[in-house]
Amino acid sequence: MTQALYCCGGVIAAIALYFKMPLILIIIALVPLIETLSVLIQVIFYKKTGKRIFKMTPIHHHFELCNWKENKIVSVFSITTLLLCIIGLYAI
């Protein structure tokens, strides 16, 4: 299942680059981008100050520690991704 998702992500990236529209890729993949950036921000900030911005990274673990139920996190991230995909398709 996850291999199919990786393949779909690769296809979306290839199509965005083929049509010379890399900004569309950023819009469509904003949720995974935020997940990745949260880790980078946490590591850099912790190395500089010794303090943490998030309780845990990636960001979905931060929300778990803020007492969000897993179903809520998945729902919010999925709906956000769906809306961003629709926005990305309309931008084409």
Protein backbone atom coordinates (compact mmCIF):
# COMPACT_ATOMS: atom_id res chain seq x y z
CA MET A 1 0.00 0.00 0.00
CA THR A 2 2.67 2.54 0.95
CA GLN A 3 4.70 1.66 -2.14
CA ALA A 4 1.71 2.62 -4.26
CA LEU A 5 1.49 5.94 -2.43
CA TYR A 6 5.17 6.62 -3.06
CA CYS A 7 4.66 5.81 -6.72
CA CYS A 8 1.72 8.23 -6.93
CA GLY A 9 3.78 10.95 -5.29
CA GLY A 10 6.57 10.34 -7.78
CA VAL A 11 4.14 10.52 -10.69
CA ILE A 12 2.66 13.79 -9.40
CA ALA A 13 6.17 15.25 -9.01
CA ALA A 14 7.17 14.11 -12.50
CA ILE A 15 4.02 15.63 -14.04
CA ALA A 16 4.54 18.93 -12.21
CA LEU A 17 8.14 19.11 -13.41
CA TYR A 18 7.21 18.03 -16.95
CA PHE A 19 4.69 20.86 -17.23
CA LYS A 20 7.23 23.24 -15.62
CA MET A 21 4.90 23.99 -12.71
CA PRO A 22 6.91 23.15 -9.57
CA LEU A 23 4.87 25.58 -7.43
CA ILE A 24 1.82 23.38 -8.00
CA LEU A 25 3.80 20.56 -6.41
CA ILE A 26 4.43 22.68 -3.31
CA ILE A 27 0.71 23.44 -3.01
CA ILE A 28 -0.37 19.82 -3.46
CA ALA A 29 2.32 18.41 -1.16
CA LEU A 30 2.09 21.06 1.56
CA VAL A 31 1.18 18.62 4.35
CA PRO A 32 4.21 16.33 3.79
CA LEU A 33 6.35 19.44 3.36
CA ILE A 34 5.19 20.79 6.73
CA GLU A 35 5.87 17.39 8.32
CA THR A 36 9.44 17.51 7.00
CA LEU A 37 10.00 21.16 7.86
CA SER A 38 8.80 20.61 11.43
CA VAL A 39 11.65 18.11 11.94
CA LEU A 40 14.22 20.44 10.40
CA ILE A 41 13.03 23.40 12.47
CA GLN A 42 13.07 21.34 15.67
CA VAL A 43 16.59 20.02 15.10
CA ILE A 44 18.09 23.38 14.11
CA PHE A 45 16.38 25.27 16.94
CA TYR A 46 17.36 22.63 19.51
CA LYS A 47 21.01 22.67 18.41
CA LYS A 48 21.12 26.49 18.64
CA THR A 49 19.19 27.03 21.90
CA GLY A 50 18.80 23.68 23.67
CA LYS A 51 15.01 24.25 23.73
CA ARG A 52 12.24 22.64 21.73
CA ILE A 53 9.56 24.37 19.67
CA PHE A 54 7.32 21.31 19.34
CA LYS A 55 6.69 18.66 21.96
CA MET A 56 7.72 16.02 19.42
CA THR A 57 8.30 15.88 15.70
CA PRO A 58 7.08 15.20 13.03
CA ILE A 59 4.26 17.62 13.74
CA HIS A 60 1.53 14.97 13.92
CA HIS A 61 3.22 13.59 17.07
CA HIS A 62 3.09 17.08 18.56
CA PHE A 63 -0.67 17.08 18.05
CA GLU A 64 -0.92 13.62 19.65
CA LEU A 65 0.84 14.98 22.74
CA CYS A 66 -1.60 17.92 22.73
CA ASN A 67 -4.37 15.33 23.33
CA TRP A 68 -5.71 15.22 19.76
CA LYS A 69 -7.04 11.78 18.93
CA GLU A 70 -5.37 9.98 16.04
CA ASN A 71 -8.63 9.96 14.06
CA LYS A 72 -8.86 13.74 14.34
CA ILE A 73 -5.27 14.24 13.20
CA VAL A 74 -5.74 11.95 10.19
CA SER A 75 -9.04 13.64 9.31
CA VAL A 76 -7.63 17.17 9.54
CA PHE A 77 -4.52 16.30 7.54
CA SER A 78 -6.56 14.41 4.91
CA ILE A 79 -9.12 17.19 4.48
CA THR A 80 -6.31 19.75 4.27
CA THR A 81 -4.55 17.66 1.61
CA LEU A 82 -7.79 17.25 -0.33
CA LEU A 83 -8.45 21.00 -0.30
CA LEU A 84 -4.87 21.76 -1.34
CA CYS A 85 -5.14 19.24 -4.20
CA ILE A 86 -8.33 20.91 -5.40
CA ILE A 87 -6.65 24.32 -5.22
CA GLY A 88 -3.67 22.92 -7.12
CA LEU A 89 -5.89 21.49 -9.84
CA TYR A 90 -7.74 24.78 -10.24
CA ALA A 91 -4.41 26.59 -10.47
CA ILE A 92 -3.51 24.56 -13.57
